[in-house]
Amino acid sequence: MNELILIEAAGSNYDIGYRVGKSARTLILRSIDSYRKSLLNEGWKGSWILPDGYFEAAYEAFPHFVEELQGMADGSGASFNDLFFLNALEEALEIKPPSACSTVGVSSPSGVWLGHNEDWYADNADAVVVIYGRPKGKPSFISVTSAPFLSAVGMNEAGLAQGVNSLTSIDCRAGVPRMFAARAVLESESISEAIKAATPANRAGGYNFLLAHADGEIGNLETSACAEMYMPAEKLVYHTNHYTNPLLKHLGKEINEHSLTRYRRLEELGKILPKDPGHIQDLSLILCDHKNRPLSICRHAEEQKGNDGTIFSVIFNLKLFKTWVAVGNPCDNIYNEVKK
């Protein structure tokens, strides 16, 4: 069983970043070395200094999150430039990042649930941390992430939760790295606020933000650098890594077979989901699913062509503000409840 590492941090954004950096120092420094090796193996030979436009846009839109990242650098002893580069990885690299992540949201009489499998560089399974953040003047949040990155997948005490899915569009440009927009969503108290936070005007690219709120609202927000569309759902919503809204499909690059296969399987599993899911087992059965291997929802690195797989799986109960996390593949590891 992989260990669950919980980091509690409070205060200003810099304070939170510093605490995370200090607590996860070994994981952060080890991850930076791991990324250098992985990216070289994938053909990246450029510097880790981003072209003009990324830092400036991030600072203009979200200066407090730049300060949070600076705190992580100071706390860990890592280079700020290295951490900023990694937090803009999907924008900066000429190589293609993994087709990553599967997310499902459920709104039922007994509660609102969000489940997410984080598919990423498999080496980063050893750097997974849970952050319980209590920012000054903002809702407290719980986020599961890999140590070098800002918080993204998570839930806050205002009842808002998100799962983040990578998308690749043809309109990418220099601008606000999408990780900063994802971090901003965790400050939101409603889905309407989350949509605004996720779509700064000068953004570099887009994610799908699967959004859920304890009041019962759920839906997908698909974004690119220049366009966005929110699609509300009633009882069930899911997403993988391609545009599904007909008005945005023209912005997407060729649909990855892995993404399409997982999406269709989520659709199948949604049809047999209990009418009133009330236990984490109802979502864990979906997130542990192995049909269509190696193109399954639970993604095993040894079966993939590249160095990617499911590095953690998380389930949120929004009404109870409870979180369960399995580090690594959920089929092989226990979902442990986060004890705050």
C-alpha atoms as a PDB file:
ATOM      1  CA  MET A   1       0.000   0.000   0.000  1.00  0.00           C
ATOM      2  CA  ASN A   2       1.397   3.390  -0.978  1.00  0.00           C
ATOM      3  CA  GLU A   3       1.645   5.923   1.833  1.00  0.00           C
ATOM      4  CA  LEU A   4      -0.738   8.884   1.992  1.00  0.00           C
ATOM      5  CA  ILE A   5       1.193  12.087   2.699  1.00  0.00           C
ATOM      6  CA  LEU A   6      -0.887  14.945   4.141  1.00  0.00           C
ATOM      7  CA  ILE A   7       0.471  18.498   4.274  1.00  0.00           C
ATOM      8  CA  GLU A   8      -1.454  21.111   6.240  1.00  0.00           C
ATOM      9  CA  ALA A   9      -0.757  24.725   5.324  1.00  0.00           C
ATOM     10  CA  ALA A  10      -2.377  28.017   6.291  1.00  0.00           C
ATOM     11  CA  GLY A  11      -1.974  31.761   5.884  1.00  0.00           C
ATOM     12  CA  SER A  12      -1.072  33.786   2.818  1.00  0.00           C
ATOM     13  CA  ASN A  13      -0.486  32.124  -0.539  1.00  0.00           C
ATOM     14  CA  TYR A  14       3.252  32.499   0.012  1.00  0.00           C
ATOM     15  CA  ASP A  15       2.903  30.875   3.454  1.00  0.00           C
ATOM     16  CA  ILE A  16       0.973  27.954   1.972  1.00  0.00           C
ATOM     17  CA  GLY A  17       3.538  27.487  -0.785  1.00  0.00           C
ATOM     18  CA  TYR A  18       6.435  27.672   1.658  1.00  0.00           C
ATOM     19  CA  ARG A  19       4.876  25.074   3.935  1.00  0.00           C
ATOM     20  CA  VAL A  20       4.218  22.722   1.025  1.00  0.00           C
ATOM     21  CA  GLY A  21       7.736  23.248  -0.309  1.00  0.00           C
ATOM     22  CA  LYS A  22       9.380  22.629   3.060  1.00  0.00           C
ATOM     23  CA  SER A  23       7.252  19.563   3.831  1.00  0.00           C
ATOM     24  CA  ALA A  24       7.698  18.021   0.374  1.00  0.00           C
ATOM     25  CA  ARG A  25      11.287  19.163  -0.202  1.00  0.00           C
ATOM     26  CA  THR A  26      12.692  15.717  -0.946  1.00  0.00           C
ATOM     27  CA  LEU A  27       9.787  14.820  -3.240  1.00  0.00           C
ATOM     28  CA  ILE A  28      10.033  18.097  -5.170  1.00  0.00           C
ATOM     29  CA  LEU A  29      13.780  17.913  -5.749  1.00  0.00           C
ATOM     30  CA  ARG A  30      13.580  14.237  -6.702  1.00  0.00           C
ATOM     31  CA  SER A  31      10.708  14.966  -9.110  1.00  0.00           C
ATOM     32  CA  ILE A  32      12.654  17.707 -10.871  1.00  0.00           C
ATOM     33  CA  ASP A  33      15.491  15.260 -11.500  1.00  0.00           C
ATOM     34  CA  SER A  34      12.984  12.658 -12.693  1.00  0.00           C
ATOM     35  CA  TYR A  35      11.397  15.105 -15.151  1.00  0.00           C
ATOM     36  CA  ARG A  36      14.785  16.026 -16.584  1.00  0.00           C
ATOM     37  CA  LYS A  37      15.401  12.371 -17.390  1.00  0.00           C
ATOM     38  CA  SER A  38      11.877  11.687 -18.680  1.00  0.00           C
ATOM     39  CA  LEU A  39      11.788  14.725 -20.937  1.00  0.00           C
ATOM     40  CA  LEU A  40      15.218  13.978 -22.370  1.00  0.00           C
ATOM     41  CA  ASN A  41      14.017  10.456 -23.180  1.00  0.00           C
ATOM     42  CA  GLU A  42      11.037  11.974 -25.012  1.00  0.00           C
ATOM     43  CA  GLY A  43      13.243  14.214 -27.104  1.00  0.00           C
ATOM     44  CA  TRP A  44      13.093  17.521 -25.195  1.00  0.00           C
ATOM     45  CA  LYS A  45      16.440  19.264 -25.625  1.00  0.00           C
ATOM     46  CA  GLY A  46      15.416  22.832 -24.932  1.00  0.00           C
ATOM     47  CA  SER A  47      16.139  24.923 -21.858  1.00  0.00           C
ATOM     48  CA  TRP A  48      13.808  25.057 -18.864  1.00  0.00           C
ATOM     49  CA  ILE A  49      13.338  28.799 -19.334  1.00  0.00           C
ATOM     50  CA  LEU A  50       9.996  29.613 -20.959  1.00  0.00           C
ATOM     51  CA  PRO A  51       9.649  32.060 -23.846  1.00  0.00           C
ATOM     52  CA  ASP A  52       8.352  35.543 -23.086  1.00  0.00           C
ATOM     53  CA  GLY A  53       4.643  35.795 -22.358  1.00  0.00           C
ATOM     54  CA  TYR A  54       3.964  32.982 -19.910  1.00  0.00           C
ATOM     55  CA  PHE A  55       5.312  34.430 -16.678  1.00  0.00           C
ATOM     56  CA  GLU A  56       4.048  37.921 -17.476  1.00  0.00           C
ATOM     57  CA  ALA A  57       0.525  36.637 -18.157  1.00  0.00           C
ATOM     58  CA  ALA A  58       0.499  34.460 -15.023  1.00  0.00           C
ATOM     59  CA  TYR A  59       1.616  37.336 -12.837  1.00  0.00           C
ATOM     60  CA  GLU A  60      -0.911  39.734 -14.333  1.00  0.00           C
ATOM     61  CA  ALA A  61      -3.832  37.329 -13.867  1.00  0.00           C
ATOM     62  CA  PHE A  62      -2.858  35.529 -10.655  1.00  0.00           C
ATOM     63  CA  PRO A  63       0.001  37.266  -8.794  1.00  0.00           C
ATOM     64  CA  HIS A  64      -0.903  35.482  -5.543  1.00  0.00           C
ATOM     65  CA  PHE A  65      -0.394  32.077  -7.157  1.00  0.00           C
ATOM     66  CA  VAL A  66       2.980  33.166  -8.523  1.00  0.00           C
ATOM     67  CA  GLU A  67       3.774  34.055  -4.898  1.00  0.00           C
ATOM     68  CA  GLU A  68       2.544  30.601  -3.832  1.00  0.00           C
ATOM     69  CA  LEU A  69       4.914  28.993  -6.316  1.00  0.00           C
ATOM     70  CA  GLN A  70       7.736  31.232  -5.076  1.00  0.00           C
ATOM     71  CA  GLY A  71       6.965  30.009  -1.573  1.00  0.00           C
ATOM     72  CA  MET A  72       7.258  26.410  -2.789  1.00  0.00           C
ATOM     73  CA  ALA A  73      10.636  27.230  -4.318  1.00  0.00           C
ATOM     74  CA  ASP A  74      11.917  28.940  -1.182  1.00  0.00           C
ATOM     75  CA  GLY A  75      10.622  26.204   1.115  1.00  0.00           C
ATOM     76  CA  SER A  76      12.079  23.364  -0.936  1.00  0.00           C
ATOM     77  CA  GLY A  77      15.274  24.990  -2.163  1.00  0.00           C
ATOM     78  CA  ALA A  78      14.232  24.323  -5.757  1.00  0.00           C
ATOM     79  CA  SER A  79      14.664  26.822  -8.558  1.00  0.00           C
ATOM     80  CA  PHE A  80      11.583  28.987  -9.136  1.00  0.00           C
ATOM     81  CA  ASN A  81      12.243  28.749 -12.884  1.00  0.00           C
ATOM     82  CA  ASP A  82      12.199  24.953 -12.701  1.00  0.00           C
ATOM     83  CA  LEU A  83       8.899  24.930 -10.808  1.00  0.00           C
ATOM     84  CA  PHE A  84       7.314  27.484 -13.121  1.00  0.00           C
ATOM     85  CA  PHE A  85       8.425  25.469 -16.138  1.00  0.00           C
ATOM     86  CA  LEU A  86       6.862  22.286 -14.745  1.00  0.00           C
ATOM     87  CA  ASN A  87       3.634  24.133 -13.949  1.00  0.00           C
ATOM     88  CA  ALA A  88       3.504  25.203 -17.591  1.00  0.00           C
ATOM     89  CA  LEU A  89       4.591  21.826 -18.942  1.00  0.00           C
ATOM     90  CA  GLU A  90       1.644  21.289 -21.270  1.00  0.00           C
ATOM     91  CA  GLU A  91       2.094  24.746 -22.785  1.00  0.00           C
ATOM     92  CA  ALA A  92       5.858  24.820 -23.039  1.00  0.00           C
ATOM     93  CA  LEU A  93       6.891  21.501 -24.512  1.00  0.00           C
ATOM     94  CA  GLU A  94       7.120  20.685 -28.156  1.00  0.00           C
ATOM     95  CA  ILE A  95       6.603  17.035 -27.267  1.00  0.00           C
ATOM     96  CA  LYS A  96       3.106  15.678 -26.737  1.00  0.00           C
ATOM     97  CA  PRO A  97       2.129  15.154 -23.079  1.00  0.00           C
ATOM     98  CA  PRO A  98       0.260  11.998 -22.054  1.00  0.00           C
ATOM     99  CA  SER A  99      -3.460  11.774 -22.803  1.00  0.00           C
ATOM    100  CA  ALA A 100      -4.319  12.124 -19.188  1.00  0.00           C
ATOM    101  CA  CYS A 101      -7.110  11.579 -16.662  1.00  0.00           C
ATOM    102  CA  SER A 102     -10.667  10.289 -16.293  1.00  0.00           C
ATOM    103  CA  THR A 103     -13.279  12.070 -14.173  1.00  0.00           C
ATOM    104  CA  VAL A 104     -16.868  11.353 -13.155  1.00  0.00           C
ATOM    105  CA  GLY A 105     -19.388  13.396 -11.183  1.00  0.00           C
ATOM    106  CA  VAL A 106     -22.667  12.217  -9.661  1.00  0.00           C
ATOM    107  CA  SER A 107     -25.534  14.243  -8.198  1.00  0.00           C
ATOM    108  CA  SER A 108     -28.017  12.152  -6.218  1.00  0.00           C
ATOM    109  CA  PRO A 109     -30.467  12.568  -3.320  1.00  0.00           C
ATOM    110  CA  SER A 110     -27.926  11.189  -0.854  1.00  0.00           C
ATOM    111  CA  GLY A 111     -25.057  13.401  -1.953  1.00  0.00           C
ATOM    112  CA  VAL A 112     -22.827  14.862  -4.624  1.00  0.00           C
ATOM    113  CA  TRP A 113     -19.712  12.928  -5.564  1.00  0.00           C
ATOM    114  CA  LEU A 114     -16.688  13.515  -7.781  1.00  0.00           C
ATOM    115  CA  GLY A 115     -14.181  10.808  -8.697  1.00  0.00           C
ATOM    116  CA  HIS A 116     -10.943  11.342 -10.588  1.00  0.00           C
ATOM    117  CA  ASN A 117      -8.068   9.200 -11.852  1.00  0.00           C
ATOM    118  CA  GLU A 118      -4.898  11.233 -12.403  1.00  0.00           C
ATOM    119  CA  ASP A 119      -2.987   9.755 -15.344  1.00  0.00           C
ATOM    120  CA  TRP A 120       0.477  11.216 -15.723  1.00  0.00           C
ATOM    121  CA  TYR A 121       4.162  10.353 -15.763  1.00  0.00           C
ATOM    122  CA  ALA A 122       4.274   7.135 -13.769  1.00  0.00           C
ATOM    123  CA  ASP A 123       7.423   8.103 -11.862  1.00  0.00           C
ATOM    124  CA  ASN A 124       5.397  10.835 -10.149  1.00  0.00           C
ATOM    125  CA  ALA A 125       3.322   8.296  -8.193  1.00  0.00           C
ATOM    126  CA  ASP A 126       6.094   8.516  -5.598  1.00  0.00           C
ATOM    127  CA  ALA A 127       5.529  12.276  -5.253  1.00  0.00           C
ATOM    128  CA  VAL A 128       1.765  12.339  -4.630  1.00  0.00           C
ATOM    129  CA  VAL A 129       0.705  14.552  -1.722  1.00  0.00           C
ATOM    130  CA  VAL A 130      -2.593  15.673  -0.206  1.00  0.00           C
ATOM    131  CA  ILE A 131      -2.737  19.361   0.661  1.00  0.00           C
ATOM    132  CA  TYR A 132      -5.169  20.690   3.248  1.00  0.00           C
ATOM    133  CA  GLY A 133      -4.940  24.410   2.629  1.00  0.00           C
ATOM    134  CA  ARG A 134      -6.490  27.131   4.735  1.00  0.00           C
ATOM    135  CA  PRO A 135      -5.796  30.335   2.796  1.00  0.00           C
ATOM    136  CA  LYS A 136      -6.466  33.634   4.485  1.00  0.00           C
ATOM    137  CA  GLY A 137      -9.831  35.034   3.396  1.00  0.00           C
ATOM    138  CA  LYS A 138     -10.641  32.115   1.055  1.00  0.00           C
ATOM    139  CA  PRO A 139     -12.361  28.732   1.493  1.00  0.00           C
ATOM    140  CA  SER A 140     -10.248  25.955   2.938  1.00  0.00           C
ATOM    141  CA  PHE A 141      -9.542  23.213   0.409  1.00  0.00           C
ATOM    142  CA  ILE A 142      -8.294  19.670   0.026  1.00  0.00           C
ATOM    143  CA  SER A 143      -6.271  18.906  -3.097  1.00  0.00           C
ATOM    144  CA  VAL A 144      -4.417  15.848  -4.331  1.00  0.00           C
ATOM    145  CA  THR A 145      -1.454  16.626  -6.541  1.00  0.00           C
ATOM    146  CA  SER A 146       2.107  15.689  -7.424  1.00  0.00           C
ATOM    147  CA  ALA A 147       4.579  17.599  -5.267  1.00  0.00           C
ATOM    148  CA  PRO A 148       6.053  19.976  -7.912  1.00  0.00           C
ATOM    149  CA  PHE A 149       2.637  21.265  -8.955  1.00  0.00           C
ATOM    150  CA  LEU A 150       0.125  23.779  -7.706  1.00  0.00           C
ATOM    151  CA  SER A 151      -3.114  22.372  -6.333  1.00  0.00           C
ATOM    152  CA  ALA A 152      -5.713  21.607  -9.018  1.00  0.00           C
ATOM    153  CA  VAL A 153      -7.860  18.498  -8.480  1.00  0.00           C
ATOM    154  CA  GLY A 154      -9.681  19.219  -5.267  1.00  0.00           C
ATOM    155  CA  MET A 155     -12.656  20.339  -3.204  1.00  0.00           C
ATOM    156  CA  ASN A 156     -13.231  23.328  -0.950  1.00  0.00           C
ATOM    157  CA  GLU A 157     -15.366  23.956   2.119  1.00  0.00           C
ATOM    158  CA  ALA A 158     -17.743  26.128   0.061  1.00  0.00           C
ATOM    159  CA  GLY A 159     -18.907  22.898  -1.600  1.00  0.00           C
ATOM    160  CA  LEU A 160     -17.100  23.339  -4.935  1.00  0.00           C
ATOM    161  CA  ALA A 161     -15.030  20.514  -6.446  1.00  0.00           C
ATOM    162  CA  GLN A 162     -13.192  19.972  -9.713  1.00  0.00           C
ATOM    163  CA  GLY A 163     -11.491  17.255 -11.685  1.00  0.00           C
ATOM    164  CA  VAL A 164      -9.114  18.479 -14.397  1.00  0.00           C
ATOM    165  CA  ASN A 165      -8.637  16.734 -17.753  1.00  0.00           C
ATOM    166  CA  SER A 166      -5.971  17.623 -20.306  1.00  0.00           C
ATOM    167  CA  LEU A 167      -7.126  18.859 -23.713  1.00  0.00           C
ATOM    168  CA  THR A 168      -5.050  19.763 -26.760  1.00  0.00           C
ATOM    169  CA  SER A 169      -6.319  22.513 -29.039  1.00  0.00           C
ATOM    170  CA  ILE A 170      -5.084  24.238 -32.183  1.00  0.00           C
ATOM    171  CA  ASP A 171      -5.250  27.757 -30.715  1.00  0.00           C
ATOM    172  CA  CYS A 172      -2.572  27.468 -28.002  1.00  0.00           C
ATOM    173  CA  ARG A 173      -0.413  30.551 -27.462  1.00  0.00           C
ATOM    174  CA  ALA A 174       1.828  32.224 -24.900  1.00  0.00           C
ATOM    175  CA  GLY A 175      -0.325  33.246 -21.947  1.00  0.00           C
ATOM    176  CA  VAL A 176      -1.549  32.158 -18.522  1.00  0.00           C
ATOM    177  CA  PRO A 177      -0.517  28.521 -17.974  1.00  0.00           C
ATOM    178  CA  ARG A 178      -3.599  26.401 -17.434  1.00  0.00           C
ATOM    179  CA  MET A 179      -2.357  25.103 -14.057  1.00  0.00           C
ATOM    180  CA  PHE A 180      -2.787  28.612 -12.648  1.00  0.00           C
ATOM    181  CA  ALA A 181      -6.395  28.725 -13.840  1.00  0.00           C
ATOM    182  CA  ALA A 182      -7.036  25.334 -12.245  1.00  0.00           C
ATOM    183  CA  ARG A 183      -5.585  26.581  -8.951  1.00  0.00           C
ATOM    184  CA  ALA A 184      -7.901  29.605  -9.136  1.00  0.00           C
ATOM    185  CA  VAL A 185     -10.995  27.397  -9.330  1.00  0.00           C
ATOM    186  CA  LEU A 186     -10.303  26.124  -5.804  1.00  0.00           C
ATOM    187  CA  GLU A 187     -10.948  29.672  -4.531  1.00  0.00           C
ATOM    188  CA  SER A 188     -14.453  29.687  -6.011  1.00  0.00           C
ATOM    189  CA  GLU A 189     -17.647  29.329  -4.006  1.00  0.00           C
ATOM    190  CA  SER A 190     -20.008  28.507  -6.892  1.00  0.00           C
ATOM    191  CA  ILE A 191     -19.842  27.015 -10.349  1.00  0.00           C
ATOM    192  CA  SER A 192     -20.424  30.426 -11.922  1.00  0.00           C
ATOM    193  CA  GLU A 193     -17.382  31.758 -10.018  1.00  0.00           C
ATOM    194  CA  ALA A 194     -15.399  28.679 -11.031  1.00  0.00           C
ATOM    195  CA  ILE A 195     -16.151  29.257 -14.718  1.00  0.00           C
ATOM    196  CA  LYS A 196     -14.877  32.822 -14.447  1.00  0.00           C
ATOM    197  CA  ALA A 197     -11.736  31.721 -12.607  1.00  0.00           C
ATOM    198  CA  ALA A 198     -10.987  28.994 -15.153  1.00  0.00           C
ATOM    199  CA  THR A 199     -11.209  31.309 -18.162  1.00  0.00           C
ATOM    200  CA  PRO A 200      -8.825  34.271 -17.794  1.00  0.00           C
ATOM    201  CA  ALA A 201      -8.785  36.267 -21.026  1.00  0.00           C
ATOM    202  CA  ASN A 202      -5.102  35.782 -21.808  1.00  0.00           C
ATOM    203  CA  ARG A 203      -4.817  32.035 -21.173  1.00  0.00           C
ATOM    204  CA  ALA A 204      -2.343  29.850 -23.002  1.00  0.00           C
ATOM    205  CA  GLY A 205      -4.526  26.789 -23.527  1.00  0.00           C
ATOM    206  CA  GLY A 206      -7.388  24.869 -22.021  1.00  0.00           C
ATOM    207  CA  TYR A 207      -8.490  22.027 -19.816  1.00  0.00           C
ATOM    208  CA  ASN A 208     -11.796  20.366 -19.253  1.00  0.00           C
ATOM    209  CA  PHE A 209     -12.924  21.305 -15.780  1.00  0.00           C
ATOM    210  CA  LEU A 210     -15.480  18.808 -14.487  1.00  0.00           C
ATOM    211  CA  LEU A 211     -17.235  20.932 -11.882  1.00  0.00           C
ATOM    212  CA  ALA A 212     -19.548  19.886  -9.070  1.00  0.00           C
ATOM    213  CA  HIS A 213     -21.163  21.686  -6.161  1.00  0.00           C
ATOM    214  CA  ALA A 214     -22.716  20.434  -2.955  1.00  0.00           C
ATOM    215  CA  ASP A 215     -25.984  22.108  -3.968  1.00  0.00           C
ATOM    216  CA  GLY A 216     -26.369  19.440  -6.671  1.00  0.00           C
ATOM    217  CA  GLU A 217     -25.088  21.255  -9.764  1.00  0.00           C
ATOM    218  CA  ILE A 218     -22.637  19.351 -11.972  1.00  0.00           C
ATOM    219  CA  GLY A 219     -21.238  19.878 -15.468  1.00  0.00           C
ATOM    220  CA  ASN A 220     -18.264  20.063 -17.827  1.00  0.00           C
ATOM    221  CA  LEU A 221     -16.442  23.268 -18.718  1.00  0.00           C
ATOM    222  CA  GLU A 222     -14.411  22.650 -21.888  1.00  0.00           C
ATOM    223  CA  THR A 223     -11.885  25.374 -22.642  1.00  0.00           C
ATOM    224  CA  SER A 224      -9.217  26.252 -25.174  1.00  0.00           C
ATOM    225  CA  ALA A 225      -7.010  29.342 -25.344  1.00  0.00           C
ATOM    226  CA  CYS A 226      -9.743  31.417 -26.963  1.00  0.00           C
ATOM    227  CA  ALA A 227     -13.036  29.599 -26.377  1.00  0.00           C
ATOM    228  CA  GLU A 228     -15.037  27.973 -23.603  1.00  0.00           C
ATOM    229  CA  MET A 229     -18.351  26.212 -23.197  1.00  0.00           C
ATOM    230  CA  TYR A 230     -20.074  24.987 -20.031  1.00  0.00           C
ATOM    231  CA  MET A 231     -22.358  21.964 -20.361  1.00  0.00           C
ATOM    232  CA  PRO A 232     -24.533  21.357 -17.277  1.00  0.00           C
ATOM    233  CA  ALA A 233     -25.720  17.845 -16.432  1.00  0.00           C
ATOM    234  CA  GLU A 234     -28.462  16.525 -14.183  1.00  0.00           C
ATOM    235  CA  LYS A 235     -27.384  13.305 -12.469  1.00  0.00           C
ATOM    236  CA  LEU A 236     -24.175  12.115 -14.128  1.00  0.00           C
ATOM    237  CA  VAL A 237     -21.253  13.757 -15.911  1.00  0.00           C
ATOM    238  CA  TYR A 238     -17.906  12.371 -17.086  1.00  0.00           C
ATOM    239  CA  HIS A 239     -14.920  13.332 -19.220  1.00  0.00           C
ATOM    240  CA  THR A 240     -11.560  12.133 -20.524  1.00  0.00           C
ATOM    241  CA  ASN A 241      -9.261  14.023 -22.929  1.00  0.00           C
ATOM    242  CA  HIS A 242     -11.069  15.203 -26.041  1.00  0.00           C
ATOM    243  CA  TYR A 243     -13.630  17.878 -26.858  1.00  0.00           C
ATOM    244  CA  THR A 244     -17.188  16.606 -26.713  1.00  0.00           C
ATOM    245  CA  ASN A 245     -19.134  19.832 -27.263  1.00  0.00           C
ATOM    246  CA  PRO A 246     -20.057  20.098 -30.974  1.00  0.00           C
ATOM    247  CA  LEU A 247     -19.264  23.830 -30.924  1.00  0.00           C
ATOM    248  CA  LEU A 248     -15.680  23.200 -29.780  1.00  0.00           C
ATOM    249  CA  LYS A 249     -14.744  19.997 -31.580  1.00  0.00           C
ATOM    250  CA  HIS A 250     -13.146  21.926 -34.441  1.00  0.00           C
ATOM    251  CA  LEU A 251     -10.558  23.267 -31.989  1.00  0.00           C
ATOM    252  CA  GLY A 252      -9.335  19.837 -30.945  1.00  0.00           C
ATOM    253  CA  LYS A 253      -6.533  17.902 -32.528  1.00  0.00           C
ATOM    254  CA  GLU A 254      -6.993  14.267 -33.568  1.00  0.00           C
ATOM    255  CA  ILE A 255      -8.877  12.320 -30.873  1.00  0.00           C
ATOM    256  CA  ASN A 256      -6.620   9.944 -28.996  1.00  0.00           C
ATOM    257  CA  GLU A 257      -7.839   6.322 -29.037  1.00  0.00           C
ATOM    258  CA  HIS A 258      -7.137   5.984 -25.318  1.00  0.00           C
ATOM    259  CA  SER A 259      -9.317   8.985 -24.506  1.00  0.00           C
ATOM    260  CA  LEU A 260     -12.192   7.847 -26.713  1.00  0.00           C
ATOM    261  CA  THR A 261     -12.142   4.284 -25.336  1.00  0.00           C
ATOM    262  CA  ARG A 262     -12.195   5.471 -21.721  1.00  0.00           C
ATOM    263  CA  TYR A 263     -14.984   7.935 -22.495  1.00  0.00           C
ATOM    264  CA  ARG A 264     -17.170   5.223 -24.028  1.00  0.00           C
ATOM    265  CA  ARG A 265     -16.505   2.953 -21.060  1.00  0.00           C
ATOM    266  CA  LEU A 266     -17.540   5.725 -18.632  1.00  0.00           C
ATOM    267  CA  GLU A 267     -20.747   6.037 -20.620  1.00  0.00           C
ATOM    268  CA  GLU A 268     -21.373   2.288 -20.264  1.00  0.00           C
ATOM    269  CA  LEU A 269     -20.665   2.275 -16.543  1.00  0.00           C
ATOM    270  CA  GLY A 270     -22.879   5.308 -15.997  1.00  0.00           C
ATOM    271  CA  LYS A 271     -25.853   3.339 -17.265  1.00  0.00           C
ATOM    272  CA  ILE A 272     -25.444   0.682 -14.572  1.00  0.00           C
ATOM    273  CA  LEU A 273     -24.590   3.060 -11.721  1.00  0.00           C
ATOM    274  CA  PRO A 274     -27.083   2.800  -8.817  1.00  0.00           C
ATOM    275  CA  LYS A 275     -29.875   5.369  -9.009  1.00  0.00           C
ATOM    276  CA  ASP A 276     -28.794   6.822  -5.675  1.00  0.00           C
ATOM    277  CA  PRO A 277     -25.050   6.234  -5.208  1.00  0.00           C
ATOM    278  CA  GLY A 278     -24.301   6.600  -1.544  1.00  0.00           C
ATOM    279  CA  HIS A 279     -20.919   4.940  -0.988  1.00  0.00           C
ATOM    280  CA  ILE A 280     -17.389   5.403  -2.273  1.00  0.00           C
ATOM    281  CA  GLN A 281     -17.587   1.853  -3.636  1.00  0.00           C
ATOM    282  CA  ASP A 282     -20.059   3.059  -6.273  1.00  0.00           C
ATOM    283  CA  LEU A 283     -17.419   5.357  -7.747  1.00  0.00           C
ATOM    284  CA  SER A 284     -14.387   3.215  -6.962  1.00  0.00           C
ATOM    285  CA  LEU A 285     -15.784   0.416  -9.155  1.00  0.00           C
ATOM    286  CA  ILE A 286     -15.717   2.877 -12.049  1.00  0.00           C
ATOM    287  CA  LEU A 287     -12.226   4.209 -11.308  1.00  0.00           C
ATOM    288  CA  CYS A 288     -10.798   0.676 -10.887  1.00  0.00           C
ATOM    289  CA  ASP A 289     -12.321  -0.590 -14.135  1.00  0.00           C
ATOM    290  CA  HIS A 290     -10.013  -2.608 -16.425  1.00  0.00           C
ATOM    291  CA  LYS A 291     -12.181  -3.304 -19.447  1.00  0.00           C
ATOM    292  CA  ASN A 292     -10.412  -2.623 -22.767  1.00  0.00           C
ATOM    293  CA  ARG A 293      -6.912  -2.929 -21.280  1.00  0.00           C
ATOM    294  CA  PRO A 294      -4.469  -1.361 -21.988  1.00  0.00           C
ATOM    295  CA  LEU A 295      -6.915   1.454 -22.814  1.00  0.00           C
ATOM    296  CA  SER A 296      -8.738   1.112 -19.507  1.00  0.00           C
ATOM    297  CA  ILE A 297      -9.878   3.722 -16.987  1.00  0.00           C
ATOM    298  CA  CYS A 298      -7.445   2.316 -14.425  1.00  0.00           C
ATOM    299  CA  ARG A 299      -4.307   2.814 -16.459  1.00  0.00           C
ATOM    300  CA  HIS A 300      -1.214   0.688 -15.824  1.00  0.00           C
ATOM    301  CA  ALA A 301       2.130   2.158 -16.847  1.00  0.00           C
ATOM    302  CA  GLU A 302       3.652  -1.206 -17.767  1.00  0.00           C
ATOM    303  CA  GLU A 303       0.956  -1.621 -20.427  1.00  0.00           C
ATOM    304  CA  GLN A 304       1.433   1.801 -22.042  1.00  0.00           C
ATOM    305  CA  LYS A 305       3.724   2.832 -24.853  1.00  0.00           C
ATOM    306  CA  GLY A 306       5.126   5.720 -22.828  1.00  0.00           C
ATOM    307  CA  ASN A 307       5.981   6.435 -19.214  1.00  0.00           C
ATOM    308  CA  ASP A 308       2.407   7.141 -18.105  1.00  0.00           C
ATOM    309  CA  GLY A 309      -0.216   5.585 -15.889  1.00  0.00           C
ATOM    310  CA  THR A 310      -2.648   6.306 -13.066  1.00  0.00           C
ATOM    311  CA  ILE A 311      -0.623   7.912 -10.255  1.00  0.00           C
ATOM    312  CA  PHE A 312      -3.554   8.496  -7.894  1.00  0.00           C
ATOM    313  CA  SER A 313      -7.310   8.125  -7.647  1.00  0.00           C
ATOM    314  CA  VAL A 314      -9.494  10.373  -5.491  1.00  0.00           C
ATOM    315  CA  ILE A 315     -13.163  10.441  -4.482  1.00  0.00           C
ATOM    316  CA  PHE A 316     -14.818  13.513  -2.947  1.00  0.00           C
ATOM    317  CA  ASN A 317     -18.107  13.648  -1.041  1.00  0.00           C
ATOM    318  CA  LEU A 318     -19.008  17.316  -1.374  1.00  0.00           C
ATOM    319  CA  LYS A 319     -21.817  17.534   1.152  1.00  0.00           C
ATOM    320  CA  LEU A 320     -19.737  15.914   3.883  1.00  0.00           C
ATOM    321  CA  PHE A 321     -16.422  17.522   2.806  1.00  0.00           C
ATOM    322  CA  LYS A 322     -14.789  14.099   2.878  1.00  0.00           C
ATOM    323  CA  THR A 323     -11.986  12.786   0.691  1.00  0.00           C
ATOM    324  CA  TRP A 324     -10.633   9.302  -0.023  1.00  0.00           C
ATOM    325  CA  VAL A 325      -7.349   8.792  -1.886  1.00  0.00           C
ATOM    326  CA  ALA A 326      -5.629   5.756  -3.396  1.00  0.00           C
ATOM    327  CA  VAL A 327      -2.000   6.499  -4.280  1.00  0.00           C
ATOM    328  CA  GLY A 328      -1.010   4.647  -7.446  1.00  0.00           C
ATOM    329  CA  ASN A 329      -3.429   2.394  -9.311  1.00  0.00           C
ATOM    330  CA  PRO A 330      -6.691   2.185  -7.325  1.00  0.00           C
ATOM    331  CA  CYS A 331      -7.076  -1.517  -8.115  1.00  0.00           C
ATOM    332  CA  ASP A 332      -3.875  -2.220  -6.158  1.00  0.00           C
ATOM    333  CA  ASN A 333      -4.210   0.297  -3.339  1.00  0.00           C
ATOM    334  CA  ILE A 334      -6.740   1.106  -0.629  1.00  0.00           C
ATOM    335  CA  TYR A 335      -8.800   4.306  -0.679  1.00  0.00           C
ATOM    336  CA  ASN A 336      -7.762   5.958   2.572  1.00  0.00           C
ATOM    337  CA  GLU A 337      -9.886   8.703   4.062  1.00  0.00           C
ATOM    338  CA  VAL A 338      -8.056  11.994   4.543  1.00  0.00           C
ATOM    339  CA  LYS A 339      -8.126  12.804   8.261  1.00  0.00           C
ATOM    340  CA  LYS A 340      -7.888  16.548   8.780  1.00  0.00           C
END
